[in-house]
PDB file of N, CA and C in Angstrom:
ATOM      1  N   MET A   1      65.671 126.527 136.542  1.00  0.00           N
ATOM      2  CA  MET A   1      66.838 127.187 135.990  1.00  0.00           C
ATOM      3  C   MET A   1      68.049 126.258 135.988  1.00  0.00           C
ATOM      4  N   ASP A   2      68.256 125.516 137.052  1.00  0.00           N
ATOM      5  CA  ASP A   2      69.394 124.612 137.130  1.00  0.00           C
ATOM      6  C   ASP A   2      69.300 123.505 136.090  1.00  0.00           C
ATOM      7  N   GLN A   3      68.089 123.065 135.809  1.00  0.00           N
ATOM      8  CA  GLN A   3      67.895 121.994 134.841  1.00  0.00           C
ATOM      9  C   GLN A   3      68.239 122.488 133.426  1.00  0.00           C
ATOM     10  N   ASN A   4      67.893 123.721 133.091  1.00  0.00           N
ATOM     11  CA  ASN A   4      68.231 124.287 131.782  1.00  0.00           C
ATOM     12  C   ASN A   4      69.745 124.430 131.626  1.00  0.00           C
ATOM     13  N   LEU A   5      70.406 124.850 132.676  1.00  0.00           N
ATOM     14  CA  LEU A   5      71.856 125.004 132.647  1.00  0.00           C
ATOM     15  C   LEU A   5      72.529 123.649 132.430  1.00  0.00           C
ATOM     16  N   LEU A   6      72.058 122.640 133.131  1.00  0.00           N
ATOM     17  CA  LEU A   6      72.618 121.300 132.990  1.00  0.00           C
ATOM     18  C   LEU A   6      72.418 120.772 131.569  1.00  0.00           C
ATOM     19  N   MET A   7      71.254 120.966 131.011  1.00  0.00           N
ATOM     20  CA  MET A   7      70.970 120.518 129.643  1.00  0.00           C
ATOM     21  C   MET A   7      71.879 121.233 128.646  1.00  0.00           C
ATOM     22  N   ASN A   8      72.074 122.535 128.821  1.00  0.00           N
ATOM     23  CA  ASN A   8      72.949 123.302 127.930  1.00  0.00           C
ATOM     24  C   ASN A   8      74.400 122.829 128.038  1.00  0.00           C
ATOM     25  N   LEU A   9      74.840 122.542 129.258  1.00  0.00           N
ATOM     26  CA  LEU A   9      76.205 122.053 129.449  1.00  0.00           C
ATOM     27  C   LEU A   9      76.399 120.679 128.804  1.00  0.00           C
ATOM     28  N   LEU A  10      75.428 119.800 128.952  1.00  0.00           N
ATOM     29  CA  LEU A  10      75.505 118.480 128.325  1.00  0.00           C
ATOM     30  C   LEU A  10      75.516 118.589 126.801  1.00  0.00           C
ATOM     31  N   LEU A  11      74.707 119.472 126.270  1.00  0.00           N
ATOM     32  CA  LEU A  11      74.673 119.687 124.826  1.00  0.00           C
ATOM     33  C   LEU A  11      76.014 120.227 124.333  1.00  0.00           C
ATOM     34  N   ALA A  12      76.578 121.191 125.046  1.00  0.00           N
ATOM     35  CA  ALA A  12      77.869 121.760 124.675  1.00  0.00           C
ATOM     36  C   ALA A  12      78.969 120.695 124.752  1.00  0.00           C
ATOM     37  N   ALA A  13      78.935 119.854 125.772  1.00  0.00           N
ATOM     38  CA  ALA A  13      79.924 118.787 125.909  1.00  0.00           C
ATOM     39  C   ALA A  13      79.809 117.786 124.760  1.00  0.00           C
ATOM     40  N   ALA A  14      78.596 117.428 124.392  1.00  0.00           N
ATOM     41  CA  ALA A  14      78.384 116.486 123.295  1.00  0.00           C
ATOM     42  C   ALA A  14      78.896 117.067 121.979  1.00  0.00           C
ATOM     43  N   ILE A  15      78.621 118.321 121.741  1.00  0.00           N
ATOM     44  CA  ILE A  15      79.112 118.983 120.521  1.00  0.00           C
ATOM     45  C   ILE A  15      80.634 119.043 120.531  1.00  0.00           C
ATOM     46  N   GLY A  16      81.220 119.333 121.660  1.00  0.00           N
ATOM     47  CA  GLY A  16      82.676 119.373 121.787  1.00  0.00           C
ATOM     48  C   GLY A  16      83.323 118.030 121.508  1.00  0.00           C
ATOM     49  N   VAL A  17      82.763 116.963 122.055  1.00  0.00           N
ATOM     50  CA  VAL A  17      83.290 115.617 121.820  1.00  0.00           C
ATOM     51  C   VAL A  17      83.161 115.254 120.342  1.00  0.00           C
ATOM     52  N   MET A  18      82.037 115.564 119.735  1.00  0.00           N
ATOM     53  CA  MET A  18      81.843 115.288 118.308  1.00  0.00           C
ATOM     54  C   MET A  18      82.879 116.024 117.473  1.00  0.00           C
ATOM     55  N   PHE A  19      83.137 117.273 117.798  1.00  0.00           N
ATOM     56  CA  PHE A  19      84.109 118.072 117.066  1.00  0.00           C
ATOM     57  C   PHE A  19      85.504 117.461 117.169  1.00  0.00           C
ATOM     58  N   VAL A  20      85.907 117.052 118.360  1.00  0.00           N
ATOM     59  CA  VAL A  20      87.228 116.458 118.557  1.00  0.00           C
ATOM     60  C   VAL A  20      87.357 115.152 117.781  1.00  0.00           C
ATOM     61  N   VAL A  21      86.347 114.306 117.841  1.00  0.00           N
ATOM     62  CA  VAL A  21      86.381 113.025 117.117  1.00  0.00           C
ATOM     63  C   VAL A  21      86.460 113.262 115.617  1.00  0.00           C
ATOM     64  N   MET A  22      85.695 114.192 115.100  1.00  0.00           N
ATOM     65  CA  MET A  22      85.713 114.476 113.664  1.00  0.00           C
ATOM     66  C   MET A  22      87.064 115.050 113.246  1.00  0.00           C
ATOM     67  N   THR A  23      87.666 115.898 114.054  1.00  0.00           N
ATOM     68  CA  THR A  23      88.957 116.495 113.737  1.00  0.00           C
ATOM     69  C   THR A  23      90.050 115.426 113.690  1.00  0.00           C
ATOM     70  N   ILE A  24      90.066 114.545 114.664  1.00  0.00           N
ATOM     71  CA  ILE A  24      91.066 113.473 114.694  1.00  0.00           C
ATOM     72  C   ILE A  24      90.894 112.559 113.492  1.00  0.00           C
ATOM     73  N   SER A  25      89.665 112.218 113.172  1.00  0.00           N
ATOM     74  CA  SER A  25      89.393 111.353 112.026  1.00  0.00           C
ATOM     75  C   SER A  25      89.866 111.995 110.726  1.00  0.00           C
ATOM     76  N   GLN A  26      89.616 113.276 110.546  1.00  0.00           N
ATOM     77  CA  GLN A  26      90.025 113.978 109.328  1.00  0.00           C
ATOM     78  C   GLN A  26      91.541 114.047 109.228  1.00  0.00           C
ATOM     79  N   LYS A  27      92.227 114.254 110.337  1.00  0.00           N
ATOM     80  CA  LYS A  27      93.689 114.307 110.327  1.00  0.00           C
ATOM     81  C   LYS A  27      94.271 112.956 109.908  1.00  0.00           C
ATOM     82  N   LYS A  28      93.692 111.863 110.405  1.00  0.00           N
ATOM     83  CA  LYS A  28      94.162 110.531 110.018  1.00  0.00           C
ATOM     84  C   LYS A  28      93.964 110.307 108.526  1.00  0.00           C
ATOM     85  N   LYS A  29      92.823 110.711 108.012  1.00  0.00           N
ATOM     86  CA  LYS A  29      92.529 110.542 106.593  1.00  0.00           C
ATOM     87  C   LYS A  29      93.505 111.362 105.747  1.00  0.00           C
ATOM     88  N   ASN A  30      93.765 112.601 106.135  1.00  0.00           N
ATOM     89  CA  ASN A  30      94.696 113.457 105.395  1.00  0.00           C
ATOM     90  C   ASN A  30      96.105 112.884 105.405  1.00  0.00           C
ATOM     91  N   LYS A  31      96.527 112.336 106.539  1.00  0.00           N
ATOM     92  CA  LYS A  31      97.856 111.752 106.646  1.00  0.00           C
ATOM     93  C   LYS A  31      97.989 110.546 105.720  1.00  0.00           C
ATOM     94  N   LYS A  32      96.967 109.701 105.681  1.00  0.00           N
ATOM     95  CA  LYS A  32      96.989 108.522 104.813  1.00  0.00           C
ATOM     96  C   LYS A  32      97.044 108.939 103.339  1.00  0.00           C
ATOM     97  N   GLU A  33      96.254 109.930 102.956  1.00  0.00           N
ATOM     98  CA  GLU A  33      96.257 110.413 101.573  1.00  0.00           C
ATOM     99  C   GLU A  33      97.620 110.987 101.205  1.00  0.00           C
ATOM    100  N   GLN A  34      98.245 111.725 102.117  1.00  0.00           N
ATOM    101  CA  GLN A  34      99.562 112.306 101.847  1.00  0.00           C
ATOM    102  C   GLN A  34     100.614 111.218 101.690  1.00  0.00           C
ATOM    103  N   GLU A  35     100.531 110.156 102.488  1.00  0.00           N
ATOM    104  CA  GLU A  35     101.464 109.039 102.364  1.00  0.00           C
ATOM    105  C   GLU A  35     101.331 108.374 100.998  1.00  0.00           C
ATOM    106  N   ILE A  36     100.096 108.210 100.528  1.00  0.00           N
ATOM    107  CA  ILE A  36      99.871 107.624  99.203  1.00  0.00           C
ATOM    108  C   ILE A  36     100.485 108.513  98.136  1.00  0.00           C
ATOM    109  N   ARG A  37     100.260 109.799  98.222  1.00  0.00           N
ATOM    110  CA  ARG A  37     100.779 110.735  97.213  1.00  0.00           C
ATOM    111  C   ARG A  37     102.299 110.793  97.216  1.00  0.00           C
ATOM    112  N   ASN A  38     102.908 110.672  98.369  1.00  0.00           N
ATOM    113  CA  ASN A  38     104.365 110.719  98.451  1.00  0.00           C
ATOM    114  C   ASN A  38     105.017 109.413  98.003  1.00  0.00           C
ATOM    115  N   SER A  39     104.291 108.304  98.059  1.00  0.00           N
ATOM    116  CA  SER A  39     104.889 107.009  97.728  1.00  0.00           C
ATOM    117  C   SER A  39     104.619 106.570  96.293  1.00  0.00           C
ATOM    118  N   VAL A  40     103.916 107.372  95.510  1.00  0.00           N
ATOM    119  CA  VAL A  40     103.597 106.979  94.142  1.00  0.00           C
ATOM    120  C   VAL A  40     104.880 106.893  93.319  1.00  0.00           C
ATOM    121  N   LYS A  41     104.968 105.841  92.480  1.00  0.00           N
ATOM    122  CA  LYS A  41     106.145 105.654  91.648  1.00  0.00           C
ATOM    123  C   LYS A  41     105.718 105.162  90.268  1.00  0.00           C
ATOM    124  N   VAL A  42     106.643 105.190  89.338  1.00  0.00           N
ATOM    125  CA  VAL A  42     106.370 104.779  87.963  1.00  0.00           C
ATOM    126  C   VAL A  42     105.882 103.327  87.971  1.00  0.00           C
ATOM    127  N   GLY A  43     104.810 103.086  87.229  1.00  0.00           N
ATOM    128  CA  GLY A  43     104.227 101.752  87.127  1.00  0.00           C
ATOM    129  C   GLY A  43     103.020 101.536  88.019  1.00  0.00           C
ATOM    130  N   ASP A  44     102.811 102.408  89.010  1.00  0.00           N
ATOM    131  CA  ASP A  44     101.651 102.272  89.896  1.00  0.00           C
ATOM    132  C   ASP A  44     100.371 102.605  89.142  1.00  0.00           C
ATOM    133  N   GLU A  45      99.307 101.904  89.474  1.00  0.00           N
ATOM    134  CA  GLU A  45      97.989 102.206  88.913  1.00  0.00           C
ATOM    135  C   GLU A  45      97.226 103.023  89.946  1.00  0.00           C
ATOM    136  N   ILE A  46      96.718 104.179  89.531  1.00  0.00           N
ATOM    137  CA  ILE A  46      96.015 105.077  90.440  1.00  0.00           C
ATOM    138  C   ILE A  46      94.631 105.402  89.906  1.00  0.00           C
ATOM    139  N   THR A  47      93.817 105.936  90.783  1.00  0.00           N
ATOM    140  CA  THR A  47      92.529 106.506  90.395  1.00  0.00           C
ATOM    141  C   THR A  47      92.568 107.970  90.793  1.00  0.00           C
ATOM    142  N   THR A  48      92.186 108.845  89.878  1.00  0.00           N
ATOM    143  CA  THR A  48      92.193 110.279  90.158  1.00  0.00           C
ATOM    144  C   THR A  48      90.912 110.678  90.888  1.00  0.00           C
ATOM    145  N   ILE A  49      90.888 111.911  91.377  1.00  0.00           N
ATOM    146  CA  ILE A  49      89.683 112.393  92.049  1.00  0.00           C
ATOM    147  C   ILE A  49      88.511 112.508  91.076  1.00  0.00           C
ATOM    148  N   GLY A  50      88.814 112.504  89.786  1.00  0.00           N
ATOM    149  CA  GLY A  50      87.768 112.531  88.765  1.00  0.00           C
ATOM    150  C   GLY A  50      87.292 111.149  88.358  1.00  0.00           C
ATOM    151  N   GLY A  51      87.913 110.099  88.926  1.00  0.00           N
ATOM    152  CA  GLY A  51      87.492 108.741  88.648  1.00  0.00           C
ATOM    153  C   GLY A  51      88.217 108.084  87.481  1.00  0.00           C
ATOM    154  N   ILE A  52      89.271 108.704  86.972  1.00  0.00           N
ATOM    155  CA  ILE A  52      90.025 108.135  85.855  1.00  0.00           C
ATOM    156  C   ILE A  52      91.054 107.156  86.415  1.00  0.00           C
ATOM    157  N   VAL A  53      91.038 105.925  85.897  1.00  0.00           N
ATOM    158  CA  VAL A  53      92.019 104.920  86.282  1.00  0.00           C
ATOM    159  C   VAL A  53      93.153 104.986  85.275  1.00  0.00           C
ATOM    160  N   CYS A  54      94.382 105.144  85.747  1.00  0.00           N
ATOM    161  CA  CYS A  54      95.520 105.305  84.846  1.00  0.00           C
ATOM    162  C   CYS A  54      96.794 104.772  85.495  1.00  0.00           C
ATOM    163  N   THR A  55      97.840 104.668  84.685  1.00  0.00           N
ATOM    164  CA  THR A  55      99.130 104.174  85.130  1.00  0.00           C
ATOM    165  C   THR A  55     100.129 105.320  85.146  1.00  0.00           C
ATOM    166  N   VAL A  56     100.929 105.402  86.189  1.00  0.00           N
ATOM    167  CA  VAL A  56     101.928 106.457  86.330  1.00  0.00           C
ATOM    168  C   VAL A  56     103.122 106.121  85.428  1.00  0.00           C
ATOM    169  N   VAL A  57     103.523 107.093  84.590  1.00  0.00           N
ATOM    170  CA  VAL A  57     104.682 106.901  83.721  1.00  0.00           C
ATOM    171  C   VAL A  57     105.797 107.894  84.025  1.00  0.00           C
ATOM    172  N   GLY A  58     105.540 108.862  84.882  1.00  0.00           N
ATOM    173  CA  GLY A  58     106.564 109.826  85.268  1.00  0.00           C
ATOM    174  C   GLY A  58     106.186 110.513  86.562  1.00  0.00           C
ATOM    175  N   VAL A  59     107.197 110.794  87.410  1.00  0.00           N
ATOM    176  CA  VAL A  59     106.954 111.446  88.699  1.00  0.00           C
ATOM    177  C   VAL A  59     107.925 112.606  88.853  1.00  0.00           C
ATOM    178  N   LYS A  60     107.396 113.769  89.209  1.00  0.00           N
ATOM    179  CA  LYS A  60     108.208 114.935  89.545  1.00  0.00           C
ATOM    180  C   LYS A  60     107.851 115.357  90.968  1.00  0.00           C
ATOM    181  N   ASP A  61     108.313 116.523  91.385  1.00  0.00           N
ATOM    182  CA  ASP A  61     108.094 116.967  92.758  1.00  0.00           C
ATOM    183  C   ASP A  61     106.623 116.992  93.140  1.00  0.00           C
ATOM    184  N   ASP A  62     105.828 117.785  92.428  1.00  0.00           N
ATOM    185  CA  ASP A  62     104.424 117.938  92.798  1.00  0.00           C
ATOM    186  C   ASP A  62     103.472 117.554  91.674  1.00  0.00           C
ATOM    187  N   GLU A  63     103.996 116.916  90.629  1.00  0.00           N
ATOM    188  CA  GLU A  63     103.124 116.477  89.535  1.00  0.00           C
ATOM    189  C   GLU A  63     103.562 115.110  89.031  1.00  0.00           C
ATOM    190  N   ILE A  64     102.648 114.445  88.358  1.00  0.00           N
ATOM    191  CA  ILE A  64     102.919 113.142  87.776  1.00  0.00           C
ATOM    192  C   ILE A  64     102.434 113.132  86.330  1.00  0.00           C
ATOM    193  N   VAL A  65     103.001 112.260  85.542  1.00  0.00           N
ATOM    194  CA  VAL A  65     102.539 112.033  84.180  1.00  0.00           C
ATOM    195  C   VAL A  65     101.908 110.652  84.189  1.00  0.00           C
ATOM    196  N   VAL A  66     100.679 110.573  83.691  1.00  0.00           N
ATOM    197  CA  VAL A  66      99.954 109.312  83.698  1.00  0.00           C
ATOM    198  C   VAL A  66      99.516 108.955  82.288  1.00  0.00           C
ATOM    199  N   GLU A  67      99.206 107.674  82.114  1.00  0.00           N
ATOM    200  CA  GLU A  67      98.739 107.191  80.825  1.00  0.00           C
ATOM    201  C   GLU A  67      97.462 106.394  81.049  1.00  0.00           C
ATOM    202  N   SER A  68      96.471 106.691  80.236  1.00  0.00           N
ATOM    203  CA  SER A  68      95.220 105.951  80.276  1.00  0.00           C
ATOM    204  C   SER A  68      94.841 105.607  78.843  1.00  0.00           C
ATOM    205  N   GLN A  69      93.667 105.090  78.651  1.00  0.00           N
ATOM    206  CA  GLN A  69      93.213 104.758  77.298  1.00  0.00           C
ATOM    207  C   GLN A  69      93.091 106.011  76.437  1.00  0.00           C
ATOM    208  N   SER A  70      92.923 107.161  77.065  1.00  0.00           N
ATOM    209  CA  SER A  70      92.777 108.425  76.338  1.00  0.00           C
ATOM    210  C   SER A  70      94.112 109.028  75.932  1.00  0.00           C
ATOM    211  N   GLY A  71      95.209 108.530  76.482  1.00  0.00           N
ATOM    212  CA  GLY A  71      96.523 109.062  76.177  1.00  0.00           C
ATOM    213  C   GLY A  71      97.266 109.449  77.438  1.00  0.00           C
ATOM    214  N   ARG A  72      98.327 110.245  77.263  1.00  0.00           N
ATOM    215  CA  ARG A  72      99.136 110.705  78.398  1.00  0.00           C
ATOM    216  C   ARG A  72      98.748 112.126  78.784  1.00  0.00           C
ATOM    217  N   PHE A  73      98.804 112.396  80.070  1.00  0.00           N
ATOM    218  CA  PHE A  73      98.548 113.748  80.540  1.00  0.00           C
ATOM    219  C   PHE A  73      99.185 113.959  81.900  1.00  0.00           C
ATOM    220  N   LYS A  74      99.373 115.228  82.255  1.00  0.00           N
ATOM    221  CA  LYS A  74      99.960 115.610  83.537  1.00  0.00           C
ATOM    222  C   LYS A  74      98.867 115.833  84.562  1.00  0.00           C
ATOM    223  N   LEU A  75      99.180 115.456  85.793  1.00  0.00           N
ATOM    224  CA  LEU A  75      98.288 115.703  86.923  1.00  0.00           C
ATOM    225  C   LEU A  75      99.106 116.231  88.086  1.00  0.00           C
ATOM    226  N   MET A  76      98.490 116.999  88.914  1.00  0.00           N
ATOM    227  CA  MET A  76      99.103 117.378  90.175  1.00  0.00           C
ATOM    228  C   MET A  76      98.932 116.202  91.136  1.00  0.00           C
ATOM    229  N   LYS A  77      99.874 116.016  92.034  1.00  0.00           N
ATOM    230  CA  LYS A  77      99.791 114.880  92.961  1.00  0.00           C
ATOM    231  C   LYS A  77      98.542 114.933  93.832  1.00  0.00           C
ATOM    232  N   TRP A  78      98.040 116.137  94.128  1.00  0.00           N
ATOM    233  CA  TRP A  78      96.858 116.232  94.984  1.00  0.00           C
ATOM    234  C   TRP A  78      95.619 115.653  94.310  1.00  0.00           C
ATOM    235  N   ALA A  79      95.689 115.388  92.992  1.00  0.00           N
ATOM    236  CA  ALA A  79      94.543 114.836  92.266  1.00  0.00           C
ATOM    237  C   ALA A  79      94.454 113.316  92.375  1.00  0.00           C
ATOM    238  N   ILE A  80      95.400 112.688  93.091  1.00  0.00           N
ATOM    239  CA  ILE A  80      95.354 111.240  93.278  1.00  0.00           C
ATOM    240  C   ILE A  80      94.355 110.928  94.383  1.00  0.00           C
ATOM    241  N   ALA A  81      93.372 110.094  94.058  1.00  0.00           N
ATOM    242  CA  ALA A  81      92.389 109.699  95.059  1.00  0.00           C
ATOM    243  C   ALA A  81      92.825 108.419  95.758  1.00  0.00           C
ATOM    244  N   THR A  82      93.168 107.389  94.978  1.00  0.00           N
ATOM    245  CA  THR A  82      93.589 106.109  95.551  1.00  0.00           C
ATOM    246  C   THR A  82      94.673 105.497  94.687  1.00  0.00           C
ATOM    247  N   MET A  83      95.438 104.609  95.319  1.00  0.00           N
ATOM    248  CA  MET A  83      96.396 103.797  94.592  1.00  0.00           C
ATOM    249  C   MET A  83      95.783 102.407  94.538  1.00  0.00           C
ATOM    250  N   ASN A  84      95.602 101.895  93.328  1.00  0.00           N
ATOM    251  CA  ASN A  84      94.948 100.610  93.148  1.00  0.00           C
ATOM    252  C   ASN A  84      95.933  99.477  93.373  1.00  0.00           C
ATOM    253  N   LYS A  85      95.453  98.420  93.990  1.00  0.00           N
ATOM    254  CA  LYS A  85      96.282  97.244  94.204  1.00  0.00           C
ATOM    255  C   LYS A  85      96.339  96.448  92.919  1.00  0.00           C
ATOM    256  N   SER A  86      97.547  96.013  92.582  1.00  0.00           N
ATOM    257  CA  SER A  86      97.683  95.241  91.344  1.00  0.00           C
ATOM    258  C   SER A  86      97.981  93.784  91.617  1.00  0.00           C
TER     259      SER A  86
END
């Protein structure tokens, strides 16, 4: 009986540690993405969550206007996946 209890406690501890590590990692990722979205400015080249590479031509509070080979269109800032280095 004691051995089963010890195994269950070790399993619970391992799951708890995994959960904490995953939560911290996700928070760091979200913070980095938010910093990118807040720092976007006219002329930056971005990639959207849909994989479209485009150039920012206008910035408002929560949306941006971008231009790609297909033309100009509006996007919400949350649709920015990455800012490409130029």
